[in-house]
Amino acid sequence: MSRRVVVGFSGGVTAAWWAGWALRTYPREEVILLWHDTKEEHPDTYRFLREMAAALAMPITERSDGRSVTQLFHDEGMLGNGQNTMCSRILKAEQGSAFVSELIACGHDVIKVIGYSASEPGRVARMVGHCAREGIAARFPVIEEGVTKQQTADWCVAQGVQPSAMYCWAEHANCVGCVKGGKAYWLAVAKHHPDVFEQRAQLENDFGHSIIRGFHAGGSGVTLRQLVQIGLKRTVNQRESIEIGACDCGD
């Protein structure tokens, strides 16, 4: 039976590093760089994906739902928030699971390369269980190799590829206006991408509830526009910030 090694190629520095790890660990012909387009990524993240794939001399395999994050919210009749990240589930996780199922149906053994760190034991345990249910194996190279996020960013630069400008102001290269973000993140969106901030604020009006973490049944939570007015009660330090050098795109 043949084998396929599926690497989630998201546009982040850690994902790029574990793609390189997979190519060093397994035969090149077994490795698949799998990408899901949310249609609302930062423009420089698309640039990073193209350049990193070229540096690795590997094609990108795309499996996408076809809808944008905003289209999904309207179709589902709900605005995603910190307690319901339907966009991540439907536009990414479900697409990945469907792709893996197709590989298994074609007779392939599948290994899924996952970038969780040792600081996330709960997520690791859940993913191991999920992979077992799917009938595939899981590898966690960040844990196995003990690398830091900064080391993965430095590795990207060493390949001649500058990380996405998202990292100039955000911890992750998620889509701009990610519903997983906290208050400090949304204030950064307001500063660096006011057009996206205003679009998300309008969605709050349309759907009648807040996008910010802390939304709960029976209460609307603080809205984005209210957040700009009240600010933060205390300074919030980024837990996974990295240094990527000067940003040339205006972010």
Protein backbone atom coordinates (compact mmCIF):
# COMPACT_ATOMS: atom_id res chain seq x y z
CA MET A 1 0.00 0.00 0.00
CA SER A 2 1.34 3.46 -0.91
CA ARG A 3 1.70 6.29 1.57
CA ARG A 4 0.85 9.97 1.55
CA VAL A 5 2.10 12.58 4.03
CA VAL A 6 -0.38 15.45 4.28
CA VAL A 7 1.05 18.77 5.43
CA GLY A 8 -1.31 21.62 6.32
CA PHE A 9 0.24 24.50 4.34
CA SER A 10 -1.56 27.46 5.86
CA GLY A 11 0.69 30.44 5.10
CA GLY A 12 2.24 30.61 8.57
CA VAL A 13 5.92 30.32 9.39
CA THR A 14 5.48 27.17 11.46
CA ALA A 15 3.50 25.47 8.70
CA ALA A 16 6.26 26.28 6.23
CA TRP A 17 8.88 24.84 8.57
CA TRP A 18 7.00 21.57 9.07
CA ALA A 19 6.60 21.30 5.30
CA GLY A 20 10.38 21.44 5.08
CA TRP A 21 10.60 18.88 7.88
CA ALA A 22 8.29 16.52 6.01
CA LEU A 23 10.42 16.81 2.87
CA ARG A 24 13.53 15.98 4.91
CA THR A 25 11.82 13.07 6.65
CA TYR A 26 9.82 11.36 3.91
CA PRO A 27 10.29 10.72 0.18
CA ARG A 28 9.34 13.83 -1.77
CA GLU A 29 6.79 11.98 -3.89
CA GLU A 30 4.79 11.09 -0.77
CA VAL A 31 4.45 14.65 0.55
CA ILE A 32 1.39 16.79 -0.18
CA LEU A 33 1.22 20.50 0.74
CA LEU A 34 -2.49 20.97 1.37
CA TRP A 35 -3.96 24.48 1.41
CA HIS A 36 -7.47 25.82 2.03
CA ASP A 37 -8.29 29.31 0.76
CA THR A 38 -10.64 31.33 2.99
CA LYS A 39 -10.73 34.08 0.32
CA GLU A 40 -9.88 36.63 3.03
CA GLU A 41 -6.20 36.01 3.68
CA HIS A 42 -3.77 38.91 3.86
CA PRO A 43 -2.43 39.65 0.34
CA ASP A 44 1.12 39.12 1.58
CA THR A 45 0.20 35.67 2.90
CA TYR A 46 -0.67 34.63 -0.65
CA ARG A 47 2.75 35.93 -1.71
CA PHE A 48 4.43 33.93 1.08
CA LEU A 49 2.64 30.73 0.03
CA ARG A 50 3.75 31.10 -3.59
CA GLU A 51 7.35 31.92 -2.74
CA MET A 52 7.73 29.20 -0.11
CA ALA A 53 6.28 26.55 -2.41
CA ALA A 54 8.78 27.64 -5.05
CA ALA A 55 11.64 27.54 -2.54
CA LEU A 56 10.63 24.00 -1.57
CA ALA A 57 10.16 23.07 -5.25
CA MET A 58 6.75 21.65 -4.39
CA PRO A 59 3.27 22.25 -5.81
CA ILE A 60 0.43 23.42 -3.59
CA THR A 61 -2.62 21.16 -3.53
CA GLU A 62 -5.71 23.27 -2.92
CA ARG A 63 -8.93 21.95 -1.44
CA SER A 64 -11.28 24.85 -0.71
CA ASP A 65 -14.98 25.25 -0.04
CA GLY A 66 -15.14 28.10 -2.53
CA ARG A 67 -16.85 30.57 -0.23
CA SER A 68 -15.25 33.44 1.63
CA VAL A 69 -15.49 33.78 5.41
CA THR A 70 -18.12 36.49 5.02
CA GLN A 71 -20.18 34.44 2.56
CA LEU A 72 -20.12 31.54 5.00
CA PHE A 73 -21.45 33.69 7.84
CA HIS A 74 -24.38 34.80 5.70
CA ASP A 75 -25.09 31.25 4.52
CA GLU A 76 -25.01 29.92 8.09
CA GLY A 77 -27.08 32.84 9.39
CA MET A 78 -24.60 33.51 12.20
CA LEU A 79 -21.48 35.57 12.74
CA GLY A 80 -18.58 33.46 13.94
CA ASN A 81 -17.01 34.38 17.27
CA GLY A 82 -14.54 33.09 19.84
CA GLN A 83 -16.97 30.38 20.92
CA ASN A 84 -18.04 29.28 17.44
CA THR A 85 -15.26 29.30 14.85
CA MET A 86 -17.41 27.75 12.14
CA CYS A 87 -15.24 29.32 9.46
CA SER A 88 -12.19 27.35 10.57
CA ARG A 89 -14.23 24.16 10.86
CA ILE A 90 -16.08 24.37 7.54
CA LEU A 91 -13.52 26.13 5.33
CA LYS A 92 -10.47 24.27 6.64
CA ALA A 93 -10.98 21.26 8.93
CA GLU A 94 -13.83 19.68 6.97
CA GLN A 95 -12.02 20.26 3.67
CA GLY A 96 -8.93 18.55 5.04
CA SER A 97 -10.90 15.58 6.36
CA ALA A 98 -12.66 15.13 3.01
CA PHE A 99 -9.31 15.16 1.20
CA VAL A 100 -7.83 12.59 3.59
CA SER A 101 -10.89 10.36 3.14
CA GLU A 102 -10.34 10.43 -0.62
CA LEU A 103 -6.71 9.39 -0.18
CA ILE A 104 -7.76 6.48 2.03
CA ALA A 105 -10.43 5.45 -0.48
CA CYS A 106 -7.70 5.33 -3.14
CA GLY A 107 -5.77 2.86 -1.00
CA HIS A 108 -3.18 5.16 0.58
CA ASP A 109 -1.87 5.02 4.12
CA VAL A 110 -1.99 8.60 5.42
CA ILE A 111 0.23 10.45 7.86
CA LYS A 112 -0.96 13.88 8.93
CA VAL A 113 1.72 16.41 9.91
CA ILE A 114 0.41 18.72 12.63
CA GLY A 115 2.10 21.80 14.06
CA TYR A 116 0.86 21.83 17.65
CA SER A 117 3.42 22.68 20.31
CA ALA A 118 4.17 21.04 23.65
CA SER A 119 2.28 23.87 25.38
CA GLU A 120 -0.98 22.52 23.91
CA PRO A 121 -1.37 19.03 25.45
CA GLY A 122 -5.16 19.19 25.26
CA ARG A 123 -5.19 19.95 21.54
CA VAL A 124 -2.57 17.26 20.91
CA ALA A 125 -4.64 14.64 22.72
CA ARG A 126 -7.80 15.61 20.84
CA MET A 127 -6.00 15.52 17.50
CA VAL A 128 -4.50 12.11 18.21
CA GLY A 129 -8.01 10.84 18.91
CA HIS A 130 -9.38 12.52 15.79
CA CYS A 131 -6.68 10.99 13.59
CA ALA A 132 -7.29 7.56 15.12
CA ARG A 133 -10.98 7.84 14.22
CA GLU A 134 -10.03 8.79 10.67
CA GLY A 135 -7.70 5.80 10.48
CA ILE A 136 -4.54 7.83 9.95
CA ALA A 137 -1.29 8.46 11.83
CA ALA A 138 -0.27 11.81 13.32
CA ARG A 139 3.18 13.42 13.61
CA PHE A 140 3.94 16.54 15.66
CA PRO A 141 7.34 17.75 14.40
CA VAL A 142 7.40 20.99 16.41
CA ILE A 143 7.22 18.88 19.58
CA GLU A 144 9.52 16.16 18.27
CA GLU A 145 12.23 18.64 17.27
CA GLY A 146 11.63 21.15 20.07
CA VAL A 147 11.74 24.18 17.79
CA THR A 148 10.39 27.61 18.69
CA LYS A 149 8.21 29.80 16.52
CA GLN A 150 11.07 32.26 16.13
CA GLN A 151 13.28 29.44 14.88
CA THR A 152 10.70 28.53 12.26
CA ALA A 153 10.54 32.17 11.15
CA ASP A 154 14.32 32.32 10.93
CA TRP A 155 14.27 29.13 8.85
CA CYS A 156 11.86 30.75 6.39
CA VAL A 157 14.16 33.74 5.99
CA ALA A 158 17.10 31.37 5.47
CA GLN A 159 15.17 29.86 2.54
CA GLY A 160 15.01 33.34 1.03
CA VAL A 161 11.31 33.86 1.84
CA GLN A 162 10.17 36.75 4.05
CA PRO A 163 7.26 35.80 6.36
CA SER A 164 3.86 37.34 5.73
CA ALA A 165 3.45 40.95 6.78
CA MET A 166 0.64 39.74 9.05
CA TYR A 167 3.40 39.06 11.58
CA CYS A 168 4.25 42.75 11.73
CA TRP A 169 1.22 43.24 13.96
CA ALA A 170 -0.40 39.84 14.64
CA GLU A 171 0.74 36.61 16.26
CA HIS A 172 -0.59 34.39 13.49
CA ALA A 173 -1.00 34.53 9.72
CA ASN A 174 -4.72 33.79 9.90
CA CYS A 175 -7.16 35.63 7.68
CA VAL A 176 -7.42 39.35 8.40
CA GLY A 177 -10.27 39.81 10.87
CA CYS A 178 -10.01 36.31 12.36
CA VAL A 179 -12.90 35.57 14.73
CA LYS A 180 -10.52 33.76 17.10
CA GLY A 181 -8.85 37.05 17.99
CA GLY A 182 -9.12 38.79 21.34
CA LYS A 183 -9.54 42.47 22.15
CA ALA A 184 -5.88 43.41 21.57
CA TYR A 185 -6.00 41.70 18.18
CA TRP A 186 -9.10 43.62 17.12
CA LEU A 187 -7.57 46.94 18.13
CA ALA A 188 -4.60 46.01 15.93
CA VAL A 189 -6.98 45.25 13.05
CA ALA A 190 -8.59 48.66 13.56
CA LYS A 191 -5.17 50.30 13.29
CA HIS A 192 -3.65 48.32 10.43
CA HIS A 193 -6.72 47.31 8.39
CA PRO A 194 -9.55 49.74 9.23
CA ASP A 195 -11.52 48.62 6.16
CA VAL A 196 -11.69 45.05 7.47
CA PHE A 197 -12.47 46.28 10.97
CA GLU A 198 -15.40 48.35 9.71
CA GLN A 199 -16.70 45.44 7.62
CA ARG A 200 -16.66 43.15 10.67
CA ALA A 201 -18.27 45.85 12.82
CA GLN A 202 -21.07 46.12 10.29
CA LEU A 203 -21.53 42.35 10.41
CA GLU A 204 -22.03 42.66 14.17
CA ASN A 205 -24.87 45.08 13.46
CA ASP A 206 -26.32 42.77 10.82
CA PHE A 207 -26.26 39.66 13.02
CA GLY A 208 -26.99 41.33 16.35
CA HIS A 209 -24.12 40.05 18.46
CA SER A 210 -20.44 40.63 19.15
CA ILE A 211 -17.59 38.87 17.41
CA ILE A 212 -15.19 39.26 20.35
CA ARG A 213 -14.35 36.49 22.79
CA GLY A 214 -16.64 36.60 25.77
CA PHE A 215 -19.87 36.52 23.80
CA HIS A 216 -22.33 34.29 25.64
CA ALA A 217 -25.95 33.29 25.42
CA GLY A 218 -28.14 36.02 26.85
CA GLY A 219 -25.55 38.77 26.40
CA SER A 220 -24.15 40.52 23.37
CA GLY A 221 -20.70 41.30 24.74
CA VAL A 222 -18.69 44.39 23.87
CA THR A 223 -18.91 45.31 20.20
CA LEU A 224 -15.95 46.24 18.02
CA ARG A 225 -16.97 49.88 17.86
CA GLN A 226 -17.40 49.97 21.64
CA LEU A 227 -13.95 48.41 22.02
CA VAL A 228 -12.33 51.25 20.11
CA GLN A 229 -13.97 53.70 22.49
CA ILE A 230 -13.07 51.95 25.77
CA GLY A 231 -9.72 50.37 24.81
CA LEU A 232 -7.98 47.82 27.01
CA LYS A 233 -7.94 47.81 30.79
CA ARG A 234 -4.33 46.66 30.78
CA THR A 235 -1.51 46.03 28.32
CA VAL A 236 -1.71 42.66 26.61
CA ASN A 237 1.58 41.10 25.59
CA GLN A 238 1.70 38.79 22.58
CA ARG A 239 2.49 35.23 23.63
CA GLU A 240 3.85 34.07 20.28
CA SER A 241 5.22 37.24 18.72
CA ILE A 242 8.21 36.88 16.41
CA GLU A 243 10.76 39.20 14.86
CA ILE A 244 10.70 39.21 11.05
CA GLY A 245 12.57 42.41 10.28
CA ALA A 246 11.24 45.48 8.48
CA CYS A 247 7.83 45.21 6.81
CA ASP A 248 7.80 46.67 3.31
CA CYS A 249 4.09 46.39 2.49
CA GLY A 250 2.77 49.23 4.62
CA ASP A 251 1.39 47.12 7.47
